Amino acid sequence: MVRMTEKKPKRPRDPNQLAKMVIDIATGEVADEKPSVDRRGAAGGKVGGAARAKTLTPERKREIAQNAAKSRWKASARSD
């Protein structure tokens, strides 16, 4: 897992250096790990939605639901 303090080295702009880096990664001399999803970030979305729902007024919730329904019906009318 890549943390915020450990930065992944940037890819070089020079085509020759970039080609060498790609070959090194392909041969396994250099590890090219993709950063995994941070657990705190994934949990933040779950918490954020509930917090937003608490702050919305019933009128605003109704407005959002009506707009969603309109766009769903509009999309199904076009597909017929």
N, C-alpha and C. Protein backbone atom coordinates (compact mmCIF):
# COMPACT_ATOMS: atom_id res chain seq x y z
N MET A 1 0.84 -1.18 0.00
CA MET A 1 0.00 0.00 0.00
C MET A 1 0.89 1.24 0.00
N VAL A 2 0.57 2.18 -0.84
CA VAL A 2 1.33 3.43 -0.93
C VAL A 2 0.68 4.44 0.00
N ARG A 3 1.45 4.97 0.90
CA ARG A 3 0.92 5.98 1.82
C ARG A 3 1.24 7.36 1.29
N MET A 4 0.62 8.34 1.90
CA MET A 4 0.80 9.71 1.44
C MET A 4 2.25 10.17 1.60
N THR A 5 2.96 9.66 2.58
CA THR A 5 4.33 10.10 2.79
C THR A 5 5.29 9.41 1.82
N GLU A 6 4.92 8.22 1.34
CA GLU A 6 5.76 7.51 0.40
C GLU A 6 5.25 7.78 -1.01
N LYS A 7 5.95 8.64 -1.74
CA LYS A 7 5.50 8.97 -3.09
C LYS A 7 6.11 8.01 -4.10
N LYS A 8 5.31 7.61 -5.06
CA LYS A 8 5.77 6.76 -6.14
C LYS A 8 6.59 7.63 -7.09
N PRO A 9 7.73 7.15 -7.55
CA PRO A 9 8.53 7.98 -8.46
C PRO A 9 7.78 8.24 -9.76
N LYS A 10 7.90 9.47 -10.24
CA LYS A 10 7.23 9.84 -11.49
C LYS A 10 7.94 9.18 -12.67
N ARG A 11 7.20 8.97 -13.73
CA ARG A 11 7.78 8.41 -14.94
C ARG A 11 8.62 9.49 -15.62
N PRO A 12 9.77 9.14 -16.14
CA PRO A 12 10.61 10.15 -16.80
C PRO A 12 9.98 10.66 -18.10
N ARG A 13 10.25 11.90 -18.43
CA ARG A 13 9.74 12.49 -19.67
C ARG A 13 10.60 12.12 -20.87
N ASP A 14 11.86 11.87 -20.64
CA ASP A 14 12.76 11.51 -21.73
C ASP A 14 12.35 10.14 -22.27
N PRO A 15 12.12 10.02 -23.59
CA PRO A 15 11.66 8.74 -24.15
C PRO A 15 12.64 7.59 -23.90
N ASN A 16 13.93 7.87 -23.94
CA ASN A 16 14.91 6.81 -23.71
C ASN A 16 14.86 6.31 -22.26
N GLN A 17 14.76 7.23 -21.32
CA GLN A 17 14.69 6.84 -19.92
C GLN A 17 13.36 6.12 -19.64
N LEU A 18 12.29 6.58 -20.26
CA LEU A 18 11.00 5.94 -20.09
C LEU A 18 11.04 4.51 -20.63
N ALA A 19 11.66 4.33 -21.80
CA ALA A 19 11.76 2.99 -22.38
C ALA A 19 12.55 2.06 -21.46
N LYS A 20 13.62 2.57 -20.87
CA LYS A 20 14.40 1.74 -19.95
C LYS A 20 13.58 1.37 -18.72
N MET A 21 12.80 2.34 -18.22
CA MET A 21 11.98 2.05 -17.05
C MET A 21 10.92 0.99 -17.37
N VAL A 22 10.33 1.09 -18.57
CA VAL A 22 9.32 0.11 -18.97
C VAL A 22 9.94 -1.28 -19.06
N ILE A 23 11.14 -1.37 -19.62
CA ILE A 23 11.83 -2.66 -19.72
C ILE A 23 12.16 -3.19 -18.33
N ASP A 24 12.61 -2.31 -17.44
CA ASP A 24 12.92 -2.74 -16.07
C ASP A 24 11.68 -3.28 -15.36
N ILE A 25 10.56 -2.63 -15.58
CA ILE A 25 9.31 -3.09 -14.97
C ILE A 25 8.90 -4.43 -15.57
N ALA A 26 9.04 -4.56 -16.91
CA ALA A 26 8.64 -5.79 -17.58
C ALA A 26 9.51 -6.97 -17.17
N THR A 27 10.79 -6.73 -16.92
CA THR A 27 11.68 -7.82 -16.54
C THR A 27 11.68 -8.08 -15.05
N GLY A 28 11.01 -7.21 -14.29
CA GLY A 28 10.90 -7.44 -12.86
C GLY A 28 12.01 -6.83 -12.04
N GLU A 29 12.87 -6.04 -12.66
CA GLU A 29 13.96 -5.41 -11.91
C GLU A 29 13.43 -4.29 -11.01
N VAL A 30 12.35 -3.65 -11.43
CA VAL A 30 11.73 -2.58 -10.66
C VAL A 30 10.27 -2.95 -10.46
N ALA A 31 9.77 -2.78 -9.23
CA ALA A 31 8.37 -3.09 -8.96
C ALA A 31 7.51 -1.89 -9.35
N ASP A 32 6.44 -2.18 -10.06
CA ASP A 32 5.51 -1.13 -10.46
C ASP A 32 4.15 -1.49 -9.87
N GLU A 33 3.96 -1.15 -8.60
CA GLU A 33 2.73 -1.51 -7.91
C GLU A 33 1.71 -0.40 -8.06
N LYS A 34 0.47 -0.81 -8.33
CA LYS A 34 -0.60 0.16 -8.38
C LYS A 34 -1.06 0.41 -6.95
N PRO A 35 -1.32 1.65 -6.60
CA PRO A 35 -1.74 1.92 -5.23
C PRO A 35 -3.11 1.31 -4.96
N SER A 36 -3.24 0.65 -3.83
CA SER A 36 -4.53 0.07 -3.47
C SER A 36 -5.41 1.14 -2.85
N VAL A 37 -6.69 0.87 -2.81
CA VAL A 37 -7.63 1.83 -2.25
C VAL A 37 -7.39 1.92 -0.75
N ASP A 38 -7.26 3.11 -0.28
CA ASP A 38 -7.05 3.31 1.15
C ASP A 38 -8.34 3.00 1.89
N ARG A 39 -8.25 2.24 2.95
CA ARG A 39 -9.44 1.83 3.69
C ARG A 39 -10.20 3.04 4.24
N ARG A 40 -9.46 4.04 4.68
CA ARG A 40 -10.13 5.22 5.23
C ARG A 40 -10.91 5.94 4.15
N GLY A 41 -10.38 5.98 2.94
CA GLY A 41 -11.07 6.65 1.85
C GLY A 41 -12.34 5.92 1.45
N ALA A 42 -12.29 4.60 1.43
CA ALA A 42 -13.46 3.81 1.07
C ALA A 42 -14.55 3.97 2.12
N ALA A 43 -14.17 4.04 3.38
CA ALA A 43 -15.15 4.19 4.46
C ALA A 43 -15.73 5.60 4.46
N GLY A 44 -14.98 6.57 3.99
CA GLY A 44 -15.45 7.95 4.00
C GLY A 44 -16.68 8.16 3.15
N GLY A 45 -16.77 7.46 2.01
CA GLY A 45 -17.94 7.59 1.16
C GLY A 45 -19.20 7.08 1.84
N LYS A 46 -19.06 5.99 2.59
CA LYS A 46 -20.20 5.43 3.30
C LYS A 46 -20.68 6.37 4.39
N VAL A 47 -19.74 6.99 5.07
CA VAL A 47 -20.10 7.92 6.15
C VAL A 47 -20.64 9.21 5.57
N GLY A 48 -20.07 9.68 4.49
CA GLY A 48 -20.46 10.96 3.90
C GLY A 48 -21.88 10.98 3.40
N GLY A 49 -22.33 9.87 2.80
CA GLY A 49 -23.70 9.81 2.30
C GLY A 49 -24.72 9.91 3.41
N ALA A 50 -24.45 9.21 4.52
CA ALA A 50 -25.38 9.25 5.65
C ALA A 50 -25.40 10.65 6.27
N ALA A 51 -24.23 11.28 6.35
CA ALA A 51 -24.17 12.63 6.92
C ALA A 51 -24.92 13.62 6.04
N ARG A 52 -24.81 13.47 4.72
CA ARG A 52 -25.52 14.37 3.81
C ARG A 52 -27.02 14.15 3.92
N ALA A 53 -27.45 12.91 4.04
CA ALA A 53 -28.88 12.62 4.14
C ALA A 53 -29.48 13.23 5.40
N LYS A 54 -28.71 13.27 6.48
CA LYS A 54 -29.20 13.87 7.72
C LYS A 54 -29.42 15.38 7.57
N THR A 55 -28.57 16.03 6.79
CA THR A 55 -28.65 17.49 6.69
C THR A 55 -29.68 17.96 5.66
N LEU A 56 -30.13 17.08 4.76
CA LEU A 56 -31.09 17.49 3.75
C LEU A 56 -32.48 17.65 4.36
N THR A 57 -33.16 18.67 3.90
CA THR A 57 -34.54 18.88 4.36
C THR A 57 -35.46 17.94 3.58
N PRO A 58 -36.63 17.64 4.11
CA PRO A 58 -37.56 16.78 3.37
C PRO A 58 -37.93 17.36 2.00
N GLU A 59 -38.03 18.68 1.90
CA GLU A 59 -38.36 19.31 0.62
C GLU A 59 -37.25 19.06 -0.40
N ARG A 60 -36.00 19.18 0.05
CA ARG A 60 -34.87 18.98 -0.86
C ARG A 60 -34.78 17.51 -1.28
N LYS A 61 -35.05 16.60 -0.35
CA LYS A 61 -35.05 15.17 -0.69
C LYS A 61 -36.11 14.88 -1.75
N ARG A 62 -37.29 15.47 -1.59
CA ARG A 62 -38.37 15.28 -2.56
C ARG A 62 -37.96 15.82 -3.92
N GLU A 63 -37.34 16.98 -3.94
CA GLU A 63 -36.89 17.59 -5.20
C GLU A 63 -35.88 16.70 -5.91
N ILE A 64 -34.93 16.16 -5.15
CA ILE A 64 -33.92 15.27 -5.73
C ILE A 64 -34.59 14.01 -6.30
N ALA A 65 -35.54 13.44 -5.55
CA ALA A 65 -36.23 12.23 -6.00
C ALA A 65 -37.05 12.50 -7.25
N GLN A 66 -37.71 13.65 -7.32
CA GLN A 66 -38.51 13.98 -8.49
C GLN A 66 -37.63 14.16 -9.73
N ASN A 67 -36.50 14.81 -9.56
CA ASN A 67 -35.57 14.99 -10.70
C ASN A 67 -35.05 13.64 -11.17
N ALA A 68 -34.76 12.74 -10.24
CA ALA A 68 -34.26 11.41 -10.61
C ALA A 68 -35.33 10.64 -11.37
N ALA A 69 -36.57 10.71 -10.90
CA ALA A 69 -37.67 10.01 -11.57
C ALA A 69 -37.89 10.56 -12.97
N LYS A 70 -37.84 11.88 -13.12
CA LYS A 70 -38.02 12.50 -14.44
C LYS A 70 -36.94 12.02 -15.41
N SER A 71 -35.70 11.99 -14.94
CA SER A 71 -34.62 11.58 -15.84
C SER A 71 -34.72 10.09 -16.17
N ARG A 72 -35.20 9.26 -15.24
CA ARG A 72 -35.39 7.84 -15.54
C ARG A 72 -36.48 7.66 -16.59
N TRP A 73 -37.59 8.35 -16.44
CA TRP A 73 -38.67 8.22 -17.41
C TRP A 73 -38.28 8.79 -18.76
N LYS A 74 -37.51 9.85 -18.75
CA LYS A 74 -37.06 10.46 -20.01
C LYS A 74 -36.17 9.46 -20.76
N ALA A 75 -35.28 8.78 -20.03
CA ALA A 75 -34.36 7.81 -20.64
C ALA A 75 -35.13 6.62 -21.19
N SER A 76 -36.16 6.13 -20.48
CA SER A 76 -36.91 4.97 -20.97
C SER A 76 -37.78 5.34 -22.16
N ALA A 77 -38.26 6.57 -22.24
CA ALA A 77 -39.06 7.01 -23.38
C ALA A 77 -38.22 7.07 -24.64
N ARG A 78 -36.95 7.43 -24.52
CA ARG A 78 -36.07 7.50 -25.67
C ARG A 78 -35.72 6.11 -26.19
N SER A 79 -35.63 5.11 -25.30
CA SER A 79 -35.21 3.79 -25.71
C SER A 79 -36.33 3.01 -26.41
N ASP A 80 -37.59 3.46 -26.29
CA ASP A 80 -38.71 2.74 -26.92
C ASP A 80 -38.76 2.97 -28.38
